[in-house]
């Protein structure tokens, strides 16, 4: 997003944080309702265009939301969506993307309240690794669902894989991503969820691939070096790949650091720090 949409999304994030600071607000219910609005606007092109029409006043657009979905949303969800349509958006799709992000963030807030945000973040990462290692599973989850029954079958497959093995928030996030991909690849969607989870704690996510599992000392050393480079705590998503040949690869966004675990990590940290 850029321009007006970026500003509108920043304001919406602030409103969500302010709203969920009140622990009496049911964050999981908020997520469910925002996800339903996402599905509606993704399907109804003319409606989302009407709600982002710069020729219409913000209050007129908020009134349209109240008339159409006011009876189906709780007060918090209605206030959030009404505030968002009052803002200016560069593209109508940006509004839908923003509501979808807020739905995922609300679910992550529910996990954070339960002390399970670390678990959800790790489970999303591990699920991505499982999918990438199974062409058959990936094909089943990314097959274009031409009708509601096909989406329901995908959701049921995910429940059989994740039910009882992953946190309910992880299950909800992954099911929504798979059944409502909205043009994204599964990998891109999982990466976006991982980043959102990290942002809840203002952390950087590092995907660390090593030939053998890292010891606790190596993990602490790596985390400390990366924290010095990036100026804030770094969450490590750990993966093992014997082809790394005794070394370690660290990927943060588009940036990759290569080096042996024992001898070159500190050197990489000094080099990147300038």
C-alpha atoms as a PDB file:
ATOM      1  CA  UNK A   1       0.000   0.000   0.000  1.00  0.00           C
ATOM      2  CA  UNK A   2       1.045   3.588  -0.472  1.00  0.00           C
ATOM      3  CA  UNK A   3      -0.281   7.099  -0.204  1.00  0.00           C
ATOM      4  CA  UNK A   4      -3.725   7.448   1.322  1.00  0.00           C
ATOM      5  CA  UNK A   5      -4.132   3.709   1.889  1.00  0.00           C
ATOM      6  CA  UNK A   6      -0.968   3.486   3.982  1.00  0.00           C
ATOM      7  CA  UNK A   7      -2.171   6.306   6.233  1.00  0.00           C
ATOM      8  CA  UNK A   8      -5.631   4.765   6.508  1.00  0.00           C
ATOM      9  CA  UNK A   9      -4.191   1.388   7.476  1.00  0.00           C
ATOM     10  CA  UNK A  10      -1.930   2.950  10.106  1.00  0.00           C
ATOM     11  CA  UNK A  11      -4.969   4.675  11.650  1.00  0.00           C
ATOM     12  CA  UNK A  12      -6.960   1.436  11.594  1.00  0.00           C
ATOM     13  CA  UNK A  13      -4.147  -0.425  13.356  1.00  0.00           C
ATOM     14  CA  UNK A  14      -4.082   2.233  16.060  1.00  0.00           C
ATOM     15  CA  UNK A  15      -7.851   1.954  16.537  1.00  0.00           C
ATOM     16  CA  UNK A  16      -7.613  -1.830  16.807  1.00  0.00           C
ATOM     17  CA  UNK A  17      -4.865  -1.580  19.435  1.00  0.00           C
ATOM     18  CA  UNK A  18      -6.798   1.014  21.412  1.00  0.00           C
ATOM     19  CA  UNK A  19      -9.945  -1.091  21.259  1.00  0.00           C
ATOM     20  CA  UNK A  20      -8.284  -4.341  22.308  1.00  0.00           C
ATOM     21  CA  UNK A  21      -6.410  -2.682  25.164  1.00  0.00           C
ATOM     22  CA  UNK A  22      -9.748  -3.199  26.884  1.00  0.00           C
ATOM     23  CA  UNK A  23      -9.573  -6.856  27.895  1.00  0.00           C
ATOM     24  CA  UNK A  24     -13.366  -7.061  28.033  1.00  0.00           C
ATOM     25  CA  UNK A  25     -13.377  -6.932  24.225  1.00  0.00           C
ATOM     26  CA  UNK A  26     -13.595 -10.456  22.778  1.00  0.00           C
ATOM     27  CA  UNK A  27     -10.675 -10.412  20.330  1.00  0.00           C
ATOM     28  CA  UNK A  28     -11.531 -13.807  18.822  1.00  0.00           C
ATOM     29  CA  UNK A  29     -15.108 -12.708  18.082  1.00  0.00           C
ATOM     30  CA  UNK A  30     -13.785  -9.461  16.631  1.00  0.00           C
ATOM     31  CA  UNK A  31     -11.499 -11.475  14.338  1.00  0.00           C
ATOM     32  CA  UNK A  32     -14.365 -13.678  13.182  1.00  0.00           C
ATOM     33  CA  UNK A  33     -16.587 -10.714  12.352  1.00  0.00           C
ATOM     34  CA  UNK A  34     -13.852  -8.806  10.520  1.00  0.00           C
ATOM     35  CA  UNK A  35     -13.064 -11.941   8.520  1.00  0.00           C
ATOM     36  CA  UNK A  36     -16.737 -12.157   7.509  1.00  0.00           C
ATOM     37  CA  UNK A  37     -16.625  -8.540   6.306  1.00  0.00           C
ATOM     38  CA  UNK A  38     -13.482  -9.368   4.315  1.00  0.00           C
ATOM     39  CA  UNK A  39     -15.273 -12.237   2.587  1.00  0.00           C
ATOM     40  CA  UNK A  40     -18.274 -10.039   1.800  1.00  0.00           C
ATOM     41  CA  UNK A  41     -16.255  -7.180   0.320  1.00  0.00           C
ATOM     42  CA  UNK A  42     -13.976  -9.516  -1.601  1.00  0.00           C
ATOM     43  CA  UNK A  43     -17.056 -11.021  -3.255  1.00  0.00           C
ATOM     44  CA  UNK A  44     -19.074  -7.812  -3.778  1.00  0.00           C
ATOM     45  CA  UNK A  45     -16.922  -5.634  -6.024  1.00  0.00           C
ATOM     46  CA  UNK A  46     -19.544  -2.915  -6.446  1.00  0.00           C
ATOM     47  CA  UNK A  47     -19.977  -2.613  -2.687  1.00  0.00           C
ATOM     48  CA  UNK A  48     -16.287  -2.177  -1.941  1.00  0.00           C
ATOM     49  CA  UNK A  49     -16.070   0.420  -4.701  1.00  0.00           C
ATOM     50  CA  UNK A  50     -18.979   2.296  -3.162  1.00  0.00           C
ATOM     51  CA  UNK A  51     -17.285   2.182   0.247  1.00  0.00           C
ATOM     52  CA  UNK A  52     -14.065   3.660  -1.147  1.00  0.00           C
ATOM     53  CA  UNK A  53     -15.634   6.186  -3.537  1.00  0.00           C
ATOM     54  CA  UNK A  54     -13.867   9.517  -2.886  1.00  0.00           C
ATOM     55  CA  UNK A  55     -16.897  11.372  -4.240  1.00  0.00           C
ATOM     56  CA  UNK A  56     -18.996  10.163  -1.293  1.00  0.00           C
ATOM     57  CA  UNK A  57     -18.674  11.593   2.193  1.00  0.00           C
ATOM     58  CA  UNK A  58     -17.197   9.457   4.926  1.00  0.00           C
ATOM     59  CA  UNK A  59     -20.394   9.631   6.929  1.00  0.00           C
ATOM     60  CA  UNK A  60     -22.461   8.453   3.953  1.00  0.00           C
ATOM     61  CA  UNK A  61     -20.206   5.445   3.549  1.00  0.00           C
ATOM     62  CA  UNK A  62     -20.312   4.671   7.269  1.00  0.00           C
ATOM     63  CA  UNK A  63     -24.109   4.871   7.138  1.00  0.00           C
ATOM     64  CA  UNK A  64     -24.117   2.381   4.247  1.00  0.00           C
ATOM     65  CA  UNK A  65     -22.070  -0.043   6.368  1.00  0.00           C
ATOM     66  CA  UNK A  66     -24.478   0.321   9.274  1.00  0.00           C
ATOM     67  CA  UNK A  67     -27.498  -0.343   7.061  1.00  0.00           C
ATOM     68  CA  UNK A  68     -25.998  -3.360   5.323  1.00  0.00           C
ATOM     69  CA  UNK A  69     -24.169  -5.233   8.097  1.00  0.00           C
ATOM     70  CA  UNK A  70     -24.930  -3.369  11.308  1.00  0.00           C
ATOM     71  CA  UNK A  71     -27.271  -6.097  12.497  1.00  0.00           C
ATOM     72  CA  UNK A  72     -24.668  -8.807  11.917  1.00  0.00           C
ATOM     73  CA  UNK A  73     -21.678  -7.209  13.668  1.00  0.00           C
ATOM     74  CA  UNK A  74     -20.900  -6.427  17.256  1.00  0.00           C
ATOM     75  CA  UNK A  75     -20.420  -2.803  18.252  1.00  0.00           C
ATOM     76  CA  UNK A  76     -16.614  -2.998  18.207  1.00  0.00           C
ATOM     77  CA  UNK A  77     -16.435  -4.505  14.715  1.00  0.00           C
ATOM     78  CA  UNK A  78     -18.986  -2.038  13.383  1.00  0.00           C
ATOM     79  CA  UNK A  79     -17.060   0.903  14.834  1.00  0.00           C
ATOM     80  CA  UNK A  80     -13.800  -0.337  13.311  1.00  0.00           C
ATOM     81  CA  UNK A  81     -15.224  -0.899   9.841  1.00  0.00           C
ATOM     82  CA  UNK A  82     -17.178   2.372   9.919  1.00  0.00           C
ATOM     83  CA  UNK A  83     -14.016   4.241  10.829  1.00  0.00           C
ATOM     84  CA  UNK A  84     -12.119   2.567   8.014  1.00  0.00           C
ATOM     85  CA  UNK A  85     -14.634   3.480   5.315  1.00  0.00           C
ATOM     86  CA  UNK A  86     -14.509   7.097   6.476  1.00  0.00           C
ATOM     87  CA  UNK A  87     -10.816   7.105   5.531  1.00  0.00           C
ATOM     88  CA  UNK A  88      -9.508   7.609   2.016  1.00  0.00           C
ATOM     89  CA  UNK A  89      -8.126   4.582   0.143  1.00  0.00           C
ATOM     90  CA  UNK A  90      -5.966   4.615  -2.974  1.00  0.00           C
ATOM     91  CA  UNK A  91      -7.602   1.420  -4.276  1.00  0.00           C
ATOM     92  CA  UNK A  92     -10.812  -0.327  -3.284  1.00  0.00           C
ATOM     93  CA  UNK A  93      -8.886  -3.582  -2.785  1.00  0.00           C
ATOM     94  CA  UNK A  94      -6.694  -1.893  -0.165  1.00  0.00           C
ATOM     95  CA  UNK A  95      -9.706  -1.545   2.136  1.00  0.00           C
ATOM     96  CA  UNK A  96     -10.350  -5.292   1.955  1.00  0.00           C
ATOM     97  CA  UNK A  97      -6.669  -6.092   2.509  1.00  0.00           C
ATOM     98  CA  UNK A  98      -6.669  -3.851   5.575  1.00  0.00           C
ATOM     99  CA  UNK A  99      -9.778  -5.421   7.112  1.00  0.00           C
ATOM    100  CA  UNK A 100      -8.283  -8.870   6.484  1.00  0.00           C
ATOM    101  CA  UNK A 101      -5.077  -7.827   8.258  1.00  0.00           C
ATOM    102  CA  UNK A 102      -7.046  -6.517  11.233  1.00  0.00           C
ATOM    103  CA  UNK A 103      -8.922  -9.824  11.444  1.00  0.00           C
ATOM    104  CA  UNK A 104      -5.635 -11.744  11.630  1.00  0.00           C
ATOM    105  CA  UNK A 105      -4.214  -9.239  14.140  1.00  0.00           C
ATOM    106  CA  UNK A 106      -7.282  -9.610  16.362  1.00  0.00           C
ATOM    107  CA  UNK A 107      -6.795 -13.378  16.423  1.00  0.00           C
ATOM    108  CA  UNK A 108      -3.119 -12.896  17.291  1.00  0.00           C
ATOM    109  CA  UNK A 109      -4.135 -10.552  20.106  1.00  0.00           C
ATOM    110  CA  UNK A 110      -6.394 -13.320  21.424  1.00  0.00           C
ATOM    111  CA  UNK A 111      -3.396 -15.671  21.355  1.00  0.00           C
ATOM    112  CA  UNK A 112      -1.206 -13.080  23.064  1.00  0.00           C
ATOM    113  CA  UNK A 113      -3.727 -12.665  25.872  1.00  0.00           C
ATOM    114  CA  UNK A 114      -3.685 -16.421  26.377  1.00  0.00           C
ATOM    115  CA  UNK A 115       0.116 -16.449  26.517  1.00  0.00           C
ATOM    116  CA  UNK A 116       0.222 -18.475  23.293  1.00  0.00           C
ATOM    117  CA  UNK A 117       1.601 -16.019  20.747  1.00  0.00           C
ATOM    118  CA  UNK A 118       4.983 -17.785  20.635  1.00  0.00           C
ATOM    119  CA  UNK A 119       3.228 -21.103  20.040  1.00  0.00           C
ATOM    120  CA  UNK A 120       1.075 -19.695  17.228  1.00  0.00           C
ATOM    121  CA  UNK A 121       4.064 -18.082  15.538  1.00  0.00           C
ATOM    122  CA  UNK A 122       6.071 -21.296  15.692  1.00  0.00           C
ATOM    123  CA  UNK A 123       3.132 -23.411  14.508  1.00  0.00           C
ATOM    124  CA  UNK A 124       2.550 -21.190  11.475  1.00  0.00           C
ATOM    125  CA  UNK A 125       6.228 -21.521  10.596  1.00  0.00           C
ATOM    126  CA  UNK A 126       6.272 -25.293  11.055  1.00  0.00           C
ATOM    127  CA  UNK A 127       3.106 -25.689   9.013  1.00  0.00           C
ATOM    128  CA  UNK A 128       4.787 -23.830   6.163  1.00  0.00           C
ATOM    129  CA  UNK A 129       7.706 -26.247   6.329  1.00  0.00           C
ATOM    130  CA  UNK A 130       5.370 -29.249   6.289  1.00  0.00           C
ATOM    131  CA  UNK A 131       3.561 -27.908   3.223  1.00  0.00           C
ATOM    132  CA  UNK A 132       6.803 -27.170   1.391  1.00  0.00           C
ATOM    133  CA  UNK A 133       8.003 -30.739   1.986  1.00  0.00           C
ATOM    134  CA  UNK A 134       4.843 -32.386   0.602  1.00  0.00           C
ATOM    135  CA  UNK A 135       3.882 -31.659  -2.989  1.00  0.00           C
ATOM    136  CA  UNK A 136       0.683 -33.666  -2.564  1.00  0.00           C
ATOM    137  CA  UNK A 137      -0.452 -31.679   0.472  1.00  0.00           C
ATOM    138  CA  UNK A 138       0.412 -28.377  -1.148  1.00  0.00           C
ATOM    139  CA  UNK A 139      -1.557 -29.336  -4.260  1.00  0.00           C
ATOM    140  CA  UNK A 140      -4.601 -30.216  -2.144  1.00  0.00           C
ATOM    141  CA  UNK A 141      -4.447 -26.951  -0.218  1.00  0.00           C
ATOM    142  CA  UNK A 142      -3.781 -24.676  -3.183  1.00  0.00           C
ATOM    143  CA  UNK A 143      -6.176 -26.255  -5.699  1.00  0.00           C
ATOM    144  CA  UNK A 144      -8.592 -23.595  -6.874  1.00  0.00           C
ATOM    145  CA  UNK A 145     -11.845 -24.112  -5.007  1.00  0.00           C
ATOM    146  CA  UNK A 146     -14.557 -23.637  -7.598  1.00  0.00           C
ATOM    147  CA  UNK A 147     -17.449 -24.000  -5.160  1.00  0.00           C
ATOM    148  CA  UNK A 148     -18.288 -23.892  -1.479  1.00  0.00           C
ATOM    149  CA  UNK A 149     -18.062 -27.677  -1.118  1.00  0.00           C
ATOM    150  CA  UNK A 150     -14.434 -27.679  -2.288  1.00  0.00           C
ATOM    151  CA  UNK A 151     -13.512 -24.985   0.229  1.00  0.00           C
ATOM    152  CA  UNK A 152     -15.263 -26.959   2.951  1.00  0.00           C
ATOM    153  CA  UNK A 153     -13.204 -30.022   2.002  1.00  0.00           C
ATOM    154  CA  UNK A 154      -9.991 -28.001   2.294  1.00  0.00           C
ATOM    155  CA  UNK A 155     -11.075 -26.707   5.698  1.00  0.00           C
ATOM    156  CA  UNK A 156     -11.868 -30.242   6.866  1.00  0.00           C
ATOM    157  CA  UNK A 157      -8.464 -31.456   5.699  1.00  0.00           C
ATOM    158  CA  UNK A 158      -6.796 -28.708   7.730  1.00  0.00           C
ATOM    159  CA  UNK A 159      -8.861 -29.543  10.799  1.00  0.00           C
ATOM    160  CA  UNK A 160      -7.751 -33.158  10.520  1.00  0.00           C
ATOM    161  CA  UNK A 161      -4.116 -32.016  10.310  1.00  0.00           C
ATOM    162  CA  UNK A 162      -4.175 -29.299  12.949  1.00  0.00           C
ATOM    163  CA  UNK A 163      -7.028 -30.142  15.285  1.00  0.00           C
ATOM    164  CA  UNK A 164      -5.675 -31.015  18.709  1.00  0.00           C
ATOM    165  CA  UNK A 165      -2.094 -30.486  17.517  1.00  0.00           C
ATOM    166  CA  UNK A 166      -2.076 -26.701  17.095  1.00  0.00           C
ATOM    167  CA  UNK A 167      -3.535 -23.760  18.975  1.00  0.00           C
ATOM    168  CA  UNK A 168      -7.092 -22.855  17.883  1.00  0.00           C
ATOM    169  CA  UNK A 169      -5.837 -19.461  16.671  1.00  0.00           C
ATOM    170  CA  UNK A 170      -3.325 -21.183  14.388  1.00  0.00           C
ATOM    171  CA  UNK A 171      -6.070 -23.396  13.024  1.00  0.00           C
ATOM    172  CA  UNK A 172      -8.386 -20.440  12.337  1.00  0.00           C
ATOM    173  CA  UNK A 173      -5.670 -18.371  10.661  1.00  0.00           C
ATOM    174  CA  UNK A 174      -4.512 -21.191   8.396  1.00  0.00           C
ATOM    175  CA  UNK A 175      -8.036 -22.235   7.416  1.00  0.00           C
ATOM    176  CA  UNK A 176      -8.927 -18.669   6.462  1.00  0.00           C
ATOM    177  CA  UNK A 177      -5.725 -18.327   4.461  1.00  0.00           C
ATOM    178  CA  UNK A 178      -6.259 -21.557   2.534  1.00  0.00           C
ATOM    179  CA  UNK A 179      -9.988 -21.174   1.872  1.00  0.00           C
ATOM    180  CA  UNK A 180      -9.811 -17.444   1.109  1.00  0.00           C
ATOM    181  CA  UNK A 181      -6.378 -16.925  -0.528  1.00  0.00           C
ATOM    182  CA  UNK A 182      -7.472 -13.775  -2.383  1.00  0.00           C
ATOM    183  CA  UNK A 183      -4.845 -14.209  -5.084  1.00  0.00           C
ATOM    184  CA  UNK A 184      -1.858 -14.871  -2.800  1.00  0.00           C
ATOM    185  CA  UNK A 185       0.337 -17.930  -2.775  1.00  0.00           C
ATOM    186  CA  UNK A 186       0.115 -20.067   0.335  1.00  0.00           C
ATOM    187  CA  UNK A 187       3.762 -19.316   1.112  1.00  0.00           C
ATOM    188  CA  UNK A 188       3.249 -15.559   0.879  1.00  0.00           C
ATOM    189  CA  UNK A 189       0.216 -15.761   3.129  1.00  0.00           C
ATOM    190  CA  UNK A 190       2.024 -17.777   5.785  1.00  0.00           C
ATOM    191  CA  UNK A 191       4.961 -15.385   5.698  1.00  0.00           C
ATOM    192  CA  UNK A 192       2.606 -12.434   6.152  1.00  0.00           C
ATOM    193  CA  UNK A 193       1.011 -14.128   9.172  1.00  0.00           C
ATOM    194  CA  UNK A 194       4.444 -14.775  10.668  1.00  0.00           C
ATOM    195  CA  UNK A 195       5.375 -11.126  10.233  1.00  0.00           C
ATOM    196  CA  UNK A 196       2.133  -9.966  11.844  1.00  0.00           C
ATOM    197  CA  UNK A 197       2.817 -12.199  14.830  1.00  0.00           C
ATOM    198  CA  UNK A 198       6.322 -10.770  15.167  1.00  0.00           C
ATOM    199  CA  UNK A 199       5.025  -7.223  14.863  1.00  0.00           C
ATOM    200  CA  UNK A 200       2.780  -7.834  17.871  1.00  0.00           C
ATOM    201  CA  UNK A 201       5.997  -7.736  19.899  1.00  0.00           C
ATOM    202  CA  UNK A 202       7.941  -5.387  17.648  1.00  0.00           C
ATOM    203  CA  UNK A 203      10.333  -8.173  16.791  1.00  0.00           C
ATOM    204  CA  UNK A 204      12.188  -9.191  13.667  1.00  0.00           C
ATOM    205  CA  UNK A 205      11.696 -12.754  12.366  1.00  0.00           C
ATOM    206  CA  UNK A 206      14.801 -14.651  11.242  1.00  0.00           C
ATOM    207  CA  UNK A 207      14.477 -17.951   9.388  1.00  0.00           C
ATOM    208  CA  UNK A 208      17.556 -19.940  10.454  1.00  0.00           C
ATOM    209  CA  UNK A 209      18.543 -23.047   8.483  1.00  0.00           C
ATOM    210  CA  UNK A 210      21.358 -25.190   9.865  1.00  0.00           C
ATOM    211  CA  UNK A 211      22.826 -28.583   9.029  1.00  0.00           C
ATOM    212  CA  UNK A 212      22.164 -29.849  12.551  1.00  0.00           C
ATOM    213  CA  UNK A 213      19.947 -28.547  15.374  1.00  0.00           C
ATOM    214  CA  UNK A 214      21.494 -25.584  17.158  1.00  0.00           C
ATOM    215  CA  UNK A 215      22.434 -25.859  20.802  1.00  0.00           C
ATOM    216  CA  UNK A 216      20.914 -23.458  23.323  1.00  0.00           C
ATOM    217  CA  UNK A 217      24.246 -21.600  23.461  1.00  0.00           C
ATOM    218  CA  UNK A 218      24.356 -21.248  19.687  1.00  0.00           C
ATOM    219  CA  UNK A 219      20.769 -19.983  19.598  1.00  0.00           C
ATOM    220  CA  UNK A 220      21.536 -17.397  22.276  1.00  0.00           C
ATOM    221  CA  UNK A 221      24.682 -16.319  20.472  1.00  0.00           C
ATOM    222  CA  UNK A 222      22.881 -16.040  17.153  1.00  0.00           C
ATOM    223  CA  UNK A 223      19.965 -14.144  18.662  1.00  0.00           C
ATOM    224  CA  UNK A 224      22.342 -11.729  20.388  1.00  0.00           C
ATOM    225  CA  UNK A 225      24.337 -11.065  17.224  1.00  0.00           C
ATOM    226  CA  UNK A 226      21.212 -10.425  15.174  1.00  0.00           C
ATOM    227  CA  UNK A 227      19.759  -8.180  17.870  1.00  0.00           C
ATOM    228  CA  UNK A 228      22.918  -6.031  17.692  1.00  0.00           C
ATOM    229  CA  UNK A 229      22.596  -5.808  13.910  1.00  0.00           C
ATOM    230  CA  UNK A 230      18.917  -4.884  13.817  1.00  0.00           C
ATOM    231  CA  UNK A 231      18.639  -2.928  17.040  1.00  0.00           C
ATOM    232  CA  UNK A 232      15.789  -4.979  18.488  1.00  0.00           C
ATOM    233  CA  UNK A 233      14.966  -8.512  19.597  1.00  0.00           C
ATOM    234  CA  UNK A 234      14.907 -11.138  16.857  1.00  0.00           C
ATOM    235  CA  UNK A 235      12.679 -14.212  16.941  1.00  0.00           C
ATOM    236  CA  UNK A 236      14.354 -17.309  15.500  1.00  0.00           C
ATOM    237  CA  UNK A 237      12.369 -19.730  13.333  1.00  0.00           C
ATOM    238  CA  UNK A 238      14.637 -22.783  13.209  1.00  0.00           C
ATOM    239  CA  UNK A 239      14.879 -25.305  10.393  1.00  0.00           C
ATOM    240  CA  UNK A 240      17.322 -28.170   9.750  1.00  0.00           C
ATOM    241  CA  UNK A 241      18.732 -28.969   6.299  1.00  0.00           C
ATOM    242  CA  UNK A 242      21.761 -31.306   6.069  1.00  0.00           C
ATOM    243  CA  UNK A 243      22.756 -29.750   2.733  1.00  0.00           C
ATOM    244  CA  UNK A 244      23.903 -26.599   4.544  1.00  0.00           C
ATOM    245  CA  UNK A 245      27.206 -28.469   5.073  1.00  0.00           C
ATOM    246  CA  UNK A 246      27.860 -27.692   8.701  1.00  0.00           C
ATOM    247  CA  UNK A 247      27.012 -24.012   8.438  1.00  0.00           C
ATOM    248  CA  UNK A 248      24.025 -21.802   8.973  1.00  0.00           C
ATOM    249  CA  UNK A 249      21.934 -19.563   6.745  1.00  0.00           C
ATOM    250  CA  UNK A 250      19.907 -16.733   8.222  1.00  0.00           C
ATOM    251  CA  UNK A 251      17.197 -15.034   6.196  1.00  0.00           C
ATOM    252  CA  UNK A 252      15.473 -11.862   7.372  1.00  0.00           C
ATOM    253  CA  UNK A 253      13.105 -10.590   4.725  1.00  0.00           C
ATOM    254  CA  UNK A 254      15.126 -10.380   1.514  1.00  0.00           C
ATOM    255  CA  UNK A 255      18.447 -10.297   3.373  1.00  0.00           C
ATOM    256  CA  UNK A 256      20.534 -13.451   3.733  1.00  0.00           C
ATOM    257  CA  UNK A 257      23.548 -14.016   6.005  1.00  0.00           C
ATOM    258  CA  UNK A 258      25.747 -17.073   5.412  1.00  0.00           C
ATOM    259  CA  UNK A 259      28.517 -18.323   7.702  1.00  0.00           C
ATOM    260  CA  UNK A 260      29.655 -21.150   9.939  1.00  0.00           C
ATOM    261  CA  UNK A 261      27.945 -21.271  13.296  1.00  0.00           C
ATOM    262  CA  UNK A 262      31.035 -21.147  15.442  1.00  0.00           C
ATOM    263  CA  UNK A 263      33.535 -19.034  13.544  1.00  0.00           C
ATOM    264  CA  UNK A 264      31.772 -16.543  11.279  1.00  0.00           C
ATOM    265  CA  UNK A 265      28.647 -15.388  13.102  1.00  0.00           C
ATOM    266  CA  UNK A 266      30.312 -12.586  15.029  1.00  0.00           C
ATOM    267  CA  UNK A 267      32.227 -11.593  11.896  1.00  0.00           C
ATOM    268  CA  UNK A 268      28.925 -11.331   9.986  1.00  0.00           C
ATOM    269  CA  UNK A 269      27.467  -9.229  12.774  1.00  0.00           C
ATOM    270  CA  UNK A 270      30.417  -6.825  12.738  1.00  0.00           C
ATOM    271  CA  UNK A 271      30.348  -6.571   8.945  1.00  0.00           C
ATOM    272  CA  UNK A 272      26.642  -5.822   8.754  1.00  0.00           C
ATOM    273  CA  UNK A 273      26.876  -3.337  11.589  1.00  0.00           C
ATOM    274  CA  UNK A 274      29.395  -1.369   9.477  1.00  0.00           C
END
